[in-house]
Amino acid sequence: MKKFVILSILIVLLVCRLSGFTEGGDNKELSKNTGPSENGAAIQHTASDNPLSDQAVADYHAGMYADALEKFKAVSQKEPDESPRKEKLLRYIADSLYFLGLKGEKSNLLAACDLYKNIIQRYPGSRDDNAVALYRVAESYAALNFYYEAKREFENFCVSYPDSPYFPEAVFRMGDVL
């Protein structure tokens, strides 16, 4: 009964969202409902004064996540914890782990989940980036066949980020992992 009620509420929210019945009455265009992908990295990069960082970003965008991961870790170790660049580097590290995990190295998915959760807790002001991070936590659990954890994180995502363009996909994935 509880599953039915939750699923019904989520379906109503989804229908309202897709029909343009949103707070303020605006009908924002949704991007692809495929969730955050490799092309939609959670963070934007600008050229830096650190060539190793720039090479890591180039490797990341070329899909060479293992190489990028090592370089991001090396740059991150030299960056002060309170630096705004530290957050970006940590997100790149988590994203690299996530994509390596999706490509077959499943242990990286657990490491990505832990890092994403740490980032969300440490940088609560980065709402859009944290939405992508939480979505990827849920997707990681689903890829690991941890269905209850995946469902819980998709529910957390829907409650925390109902205005996210990934909301419809999260609702679908929540039902898909059951």
C-alpha atoms as a PDB file:
ATOM      1  CA  MET A   1       0.000   0.000   0.000  1.00  0.00           C
ATOM      2  CA  LYS A   2       2.832   2.374   0.911  1.00  0.00           C
ATOM      3  CA  LYS A   3       4.547   1.740  -2.443  1.00  0.00           C
ATOM      4  CA  PHE A   4       1.307   2.486  -4.265  1.00  0.00           C
ATOM      5  CA  VAL A   5       0.792   5.786  -2.444  1.00  0.00           C
ATOM      6  CA  ILE A   6       4.372   6.946  -3.045  1.00  0.00           C
ATOM      7  CA  LEU A   7       4.273   5.913  -6.688  1.00  0.00           C
ATOM      8  CA  SER A   8       0.882   7.622  -7.161  1.00  0.00           C
ATOM      9  CA  ILE A   9       2.168  10.864  -5.679  1.00  0.00           C
ATOM     10  CA  LEU A  10       5.249  10.768  -7.876  1.00  0.00           C
ATOM     11  CA  ILE A  11       3.151  10.112 -10.979  1.00  0.00           C
ATOM     12  CA  VAL A  12       0.899  13.069 -10.150  1.00  0.00           C
ATOM     13  CA  LEU A  13       3.961  15.280  -9.654  1.00  0.00           C
ATOM     14  CA  LEU A  14       5.404  14.072 -12.940  1.00  0.00           C
ATOM     15  CA  VAL A  15       2.169  14.732 -14.835  1.00  0.00           C
ATOM     16  CA  CYS A  16       1.878  18.205 -13.296  1.00  0.00           C
ATOM     17  CA  ARG A  17       5.480  18.974 -14.151  1.00  0.00           C
ATOM     18  CA  LEU A  18       5.212  17.803 -17.750  1.00  0.00           C
ATOM     19  CA  SER A  19       1.907  19.583 -18.344  1.00  0.00           C
ATOM     20  CA  GLY A  20       3.363  22.937 -17.329  1.00  0.00           C
ATOM     21  CA  PHE A  21       1.580  23.133 -13.981  1.00  0.00           C
ATOM     22  CA  THR A  22       4.541  24.391 -11.998  1.00  0.00           C
ATOM     23  CA  GLU A  23       4.976  26.970  -9.312  1.00  0.00           C
ATOM     24  CA  GLY A  24       4.830  30.359 -10.971  1.00  0.00           C
ATOM     25  CA  GLY A  25       3.098  28.870 -14.007  1.00  0.00           C
ATOM     26  CA  ASP A  26       6.152  28.817 -16.228  1.00  0.00           C
ATOM     27  CA  ASN A  27       6.769  25.815 -18.411  1.00  0.00           C
ATOM     28  CA  LYS A  28      10.511  25.420 -18.475  1.00  0.00           C
ATOM     29  CA  GLU A  29      11.889  23.319 -21.263  1.00  0.00           C
ATOM     30  CA  LEU A  30      13.382  20.067 -20.077  1.00  0.00           C
ATOM     31  CA  SER A  31      16.607  18.835 -21.447  1.00  0.00           C
ATOM     32  CA  LYS A  32      16.942  15.176 -22.375  1.00  0.00           C
ATOM     33  CA  ASN A  33      15.361  12.921 -19.781  1.00  0.00           C
ATOM     34  CA  THR A  34      18.309  10.594 -19.829  1.00  0.00           C
ATOM     35  CA  GLY A  35      19.898  11.890 -16.670  1.00  0.00           C
ATOM     36  CA  PRO A  36      23.291  13.482 -16.328  1.00  0.00           C
ATOM     37  CA  SER A  37      25.620  11.968 -18.892  1.00  0.00           C
ATOM     38  CA  GLU A  38      29.278  12.114 -19.725  1.00  0.00           C
ATOM     39  CA  ASN A  39      28.638  15.061 -22.018  1.00  0.00           C
ATOM     40  CA  GLY A  40      26.760  16.878 -19.270  1.00  0.00           C
ATOM     41  CA  ALA A  41      29.536  17.007 -16.731  1.00  0.00           C
ATOM     42  CA  ALA A  42      28.414  18.365 -13.404  1.00  0.00           C
ATOM     43  CA  ILE A  43      30.986  21.144 -13.509  1.00  0.00           C
ATOM     44  CA  GLN A  44      32.311  23.602 -16.020  1.00  0.00           C
ATOM     45  CA  HIS A  45      36.042  24.056 -16.501  1.00  0.00           C
ATOM     46  CA  THR A  46      37.932  27.183 -17.374  1.00  0.00           C
ATOM     47  CA  ALA A  47      41.588  27.174 -18.320  1.00  0.00           C
ATOM     48  CA  SER A  48      43.840  27.374 -15.307  1.00  0.00           C
ATOM     49  CA  ASP A  49      47.421  28.240 -14.547  1.00  0.00           C
ATOM     50  CA  ASN A  50      48.081  24.559 -13.841  1.00  0.00           C
ATOM     51  CA  PRO A  51      48.939  22.552 -16.980  1.00  0.00           C
ATOM     52  CA  LEU A  52      48.367  19.238 -15.160  1.00  0.00           C
ATOM     53  CA  SER A  53      44.827  20.332 -14.303  1.00  0.00           C
ATOM     54  CA  ASP A  54      44.172  21.351 -17.907  1.00  0.00           C
ATOM     55  CA  GLN A  55      45.524  17.999 -19.145  1.00  0.00           C
ATOM     56  CA  ALA A  56      43.311  16.162 -16.638  1.00  0.00           C
ATOM     57  CA  VAL A  57      40.247  17.996 -17.960  1.00  0.00           C
ATOM     58  CA  ALA A  58      41.262  17.183 -21.540  1.00  0.00           C
ATOM     59  CA  ASP A  59      41.670  13.498 -20.613  1.00  0.00           C
ATOM     60  CA  TYR A  60      38.296  13.545 -18.865  1.00  0.00           C
ATOM     61  CA  HIS A  61      36.499  14.986 -21.896  1.00  0.00           C
ATOM     62  CA  ALA A  62      38.302  12.488 -24.144  1.00  0.00           C
ATOM     63  CA  GLY A  63      36.886   9.636 -22.047  1.00  0.00           C
ATOM     64  CA  MET A  64      40.281   8.693 -20.597  1.00  0.00           C
ATOM     65  CA  TYR A  65      38.938   8.604 -17.054  1.00  0.00           C
ATOM     66  CA  ALA A  66      41.734   6.553 -15.464  1.00  0.00           C
ATOM     67  CA  ASP A  67      44.371   9.024 -16.672  1.00  0.00           C
ATOM     68  CA  ALA A  68      42.212  11.983 -15.683  1.00  0.00           C
ATOM     69  CA  LEU A  69      41.574  10.501 -12.240  1.00  0.00           C
ATOM     70  CA  GLU A  70      45.263  10.226 -11.399  1.00  0.00           C
ATOM     71  CA  LYS A  71      45.941  13.773 -12.562  1.00  0.00           C
ATOM     72  CA  PHE A  72      42.947  15.216 -10.697  1.00  0.00           C
ATOM     73  CA  LYS A  73      44.089  13.453  -7.519  1.00  0.00           C
ATOM     74  CA  ALA A  74      47.605  14.864  -7.879  1.00  0.00           C
ATOM     75  CA  VAL A  75      46.317  18.413  -8.415  1.00  0.00           C
ATOM     76  CA  SER A  76      43.752  18.076  -5.619  1.00  0.00           C
ATOM     77  CA  GLN A  77      46.375  17.099  -3.035  1.00  0.00           C
ATOM     78  CA  LYS A  78      48.165  20.413  -3.572  1.00  0.00           C
ATOM     79  CA  GLU A  79      44.978  22.492  -3.365  1.00  0.00           C
ATOM     80  CA  PRO A  80      43.925  23.963   0.017  1.00  0.00           C
ATOM     81  CA  ASP A  81      40.667  22.520   1.386  1.00  0.00           C
ATOM     82  CA  GLU A  82      38.929  25.898   1.487  1.00  0.00           C
ATOM     83  CA  SER A  83      39.803  26.723  -2.130  1.00  0.00           C
ATOM     84  CA  PRO A  84      36.868  26.964  -4.580  1.00  0.00           C
ATOM     85  CA  ARG A  85      38.954  24.909  -7.017  1.00  0.00           C
ATOM     86  CA  LYS A  86      39.030  22.055  -4.506  1.00  0.00           C
ATOM     87  CA  GLU A  87      35.279  21.495  -4.917  1.00  0.00           C
ATOM     88  CA  LYS A  88      35.625  21.331  -8.713  1.00  0.00           C
ATOM     89  CA  LEU A  89      38.526  18.918  -8.469  1.00  0.00           C
ATOM     90  CA  LEU A  90      36.630  16.658  -6.054  1.00  0.00           C
ATOM     91  CA  ARG A  91      33.644  16.626  -8.403  1.00  0.00           C
ATOM     92  CA  TYR A  92      35.893  15.687 -11.329  1.00  0.00           C
ATOM     93  CA  ILE A  93      37.421  12.894  -9.237  1.00  0.00           C
ATOM     94  CA  ALA A  94      33.973  11.567  -8.309  1.00  0.00           C
ATOM     95  CA  ASP A  95      32.777  11.822 -11.920  1.00  0.00           C
ATOM     96  CA  SER A  96      35.874   9.987 -13.167  1.00  0.00           C
ATOM     97  CA  LEU A  97      35.280   7.202 -10.639  1.00  0.00           C
ATOM     98  CA  TYR A  98      31.613   7.046 -11.658  1.00  0.00           C
ATOM     99  CA  PHE A  99      32.343   6.694 -15.378  1.00  0.00           C
ATOM    100  CA  LEU A 100      35.113   4.152 -14.743  1.00  0.00           C
ATOM    101  CA  GLY A 101      32.599   2.186 -12.678  1.00  0.00           C
ATOM    102  CA  LEU A 102      30.006   2.280 -15.439  1.00  0.00           C
ATOM    103  CA  LYS A 103      32.615   0.983 -17.870  1.00  0.00           C
ATOM    104  CA  GLY A 104      33.134  -2.139 -15.777  1.00  0.00           C
ATOM    105  CA  GLU A 105      35.283  -1.384 -12.746  1.00  0.00           C
ATOM    106  CA  LYS A 106      32.371  -1.659 -10.279  1.00  0.00           C
ATOM    107  CA  SER A 107      34.459  -0.964  -7.172  1.00  0.00           C
ATOM    108  CA  ASN A 108      34.849   2.583  -8.470  1.00  0.00           C
ATOM    109  CA  LEU A 109      31.079   3.083  -8.194  1.00  0.00           C
ATOM    110  CA  LEU A 110      31.193   2.619  -4.423  1.00  0.00           C
ATOM    111  CA  ALA A 111      34.113   5.032  -4.156  1.00  0.00           C
ATOM    112  CA  ALA A 112      32.199   7.534  -6.315  1.00  0.00           C
ATOM    113  CA  CYS A 113      29.107   7.190  -4.082  1.00  0.00           C
ATOM    114  CA  ASP A 114      31.124   7.905  -0.962  1.00  0.00           C
ATOM    115  CA  LEU A 115      32.812  10.910  -2.539  1.00  0.00           C
ATOM    116  CA  TYR A 116      29.566  12.295  -3.990  1.00  0.00           C
ATOM    117  CA  LYS A 117      27.881  12.047  -0.577  1.00  0.00           C
ATOM    118  CA  ASN A 118      30.849  13.794   1.046  1.00  0.00           C
ATOM    119  CA  ILE A 119      30.736  16.568  -1.574  1.00  0.00           C
ATOM    120  CA  ILE A 120      26.972  17.071  -1.139  1.00  0.00           C
ATOM    121  CA  GLN A 121      27.418  17.400   2.611  1.00  0.00           C
ATOM    122  CA  ARG A 122      30.480  19.627   2.363  1.00  0.00           C
ATOM    123  CA  TYR A 123      29.183  21.974  -0.367  1.00  0.00           C
ATOM    124  CA  PRO A 124      25.409  22.294   0.134  1.00  0.00           C
ATOM    125  CA  GLY A 125      25.249  25.599  -1.752  1.00  0.00           C
ATOM    126  CA  SER A 126      26.043  23.991  -5.115  1.00  0.00           C
ATOM    127  CA  ARG A 127      22.448  22.917  -5.721  1.00  0.00           C
ATOM    128  CA  ASP A 128      22.559  22.036  -9.436  1.00  0.00           C
ATOM    129  CA  ASP A 129      25.849  20.177  -9.116  1.00  0.00           C
ATOM    130  CA  ASN A 130      24.554  18.349  -6.044  1.00  0.00           C
ATOM    131  CA  ALA A 131      21.444  17.268  -7.951  1.00  0.00           C
ATOM    132  CA  VAL A 132      23.669  15.613 -10.545  1.00  0.00           C
ATOM    133  CA  ALA A 133      25.779  14.048  -7.784  1.00  0.00           C
ATOM    134  CA  LEU A 134      22.761  12.566  -5.986  1.00  0.00           C
ATOM    135  CA  TYR A 135      21.340  11.260  -9.262  1.00  0.00           C
ATOM    136  CA  ARG A 136      24.660   9.547  -9.944  1.00  0.00           C
ATOM    137  CA  VAL A 137      24.674   8.021  -6.450  1.00  0.00           C
ATOM    138  CA  ALA A 138      21.288   6.468  -7.209  1.00  0.00           C
ATOM    139  CA  GLU A 139      22.429   5.282 -10.651  1.00  0.00           C
ATOM    140  CA  SER A 140      25.567   3.789  -9.101  1.00  0.00           C
ATOM    141  CA  TYR A 141      23.521   1.766  -6.636  1.00  0.00           C
ATOM    142  CA  ALA A 142      21.287   0.575  -9.470  1.00  0.00           C
ATOM    143  CA  ALA A 143      24.334  -0.472 -11.527  1.00  0.00           C
ATOM    144  CA  LEU A 144      25.613  -2.407  -8.504  1.00  0.00           C
ATOM    145  CA  ASN A 145      22.215  -4.143  -8.151  1.00  0.00           C
ATOM    146  CA  PHE A 146      21.674  -2.498  -4.749  1.00  0.00           C
ATOM    147  CA  TYR A 147      18.033  -1.913  -5.585  1.00  0.00           C
ATOM    148  CA  TYR A 148      16.766  -0.772  -2.181  1.00  0.00           C
ATOM    149  CA  GLU A 149      19.564   1.764  -1.885  1.00  0.00           C
ATOM    150  CA  ALA A 150      18.963   2.937  -5.457  1.00  0.00           C
ATOM    151  CA  LYS A 151      15.236   3.369  -4.792  1.00  0.00           C
ATOM    152  CA  ARG A 152      15.959   5.286  -1.582  1.00  0.00           C
ATOM    153  CA  GLU A 153      18.370   7.652  -3.362  1.00  0.00           C
ATOM    154  CA  PHE A 154      15.991   8.203  -6.297  1.00  0.00           C
ATOM    155  CA  GLU A 155      13.293   9.070  -3.725  1.00  0.00           C
ATOM    156  CA  ASN A 156      15.716  11.446  -1.975  1.00  0.00           C
ATOM    157  CA  PHE A 157      16.488  13.014  -5.341  1.00  0.00           C
ATOM    158  CA  CYS A 158      12.787  13.517  -6.170  1.00  0.00           C
ATOM    159  CA  VAL A 159      12.108  15.089  -2.781  1.00  0.00           C
ATOM    160  CA  SER A 160      15.216  17.289  -2.766  1.00  0.00           C
ATOM    161  CA  TYR A 161      15.285  18.354  -6.434  1.00  0.00           C
ATOM    162  CA  PRO A 162      11.727  18.340  -7.855  1.00  0.00           C
ATOM    163  CA  ASP A 163      12.668  21.210 -10.179  1.00  0.00           C
ATOM    164  CA  SER A 164      15.597  19.327 -11.724  1.00  0.00           C
ATOM    165  CA  PRO A 165      15.405  18.455 -15.417  1.00  0.00           C
ATOM    166  CA  TYR A 166      16.319  14.908 -14.328  1.00  0.00           C
ATOM    167  CA  PHE A 167      13.218  14.571 -12.129  1.00  0.00           C
ATOM    168  CA  PRO A 168      11.141  12.633 -14.717  1.00  0.00           C
ATOM    169  CA  GLU A 169      13.987  10.212 -15.352  1.00  0.00           C
ATOM    170  CA  ALA A 170      14.483   9.719 -11.606  1.00  0.00           C
ATOM    171  CA  VAL A 171      10.786   8.882 -11.185  1.00  0.00           C
ATOM    172  CA  PHE A 172      11.035   6.379 -14.025  1.00  0.00           C
ATOM    173  CA  ARG A 173      14.248   4.848 -12.661  1.00  0.00           C
ATOM    174  CA  MET A 174      12.716   4.556  -9.187  1.00  0.00           C
ATOM    175  CA  GLY A 175       9.969   2.358 -10.617  1.00  0.00           C
ATOM    176  CA  ASP A 176      12.448   0.558 -12.849  1.00  0.00           C
ATOM    177  CA  VAL A 177      14.670  -0.632  -9.982  1.00  0.00           C
ATOM    178  CA  LEU A 178      11.794  -2.112  -7.967  1.00  0.00           C
END
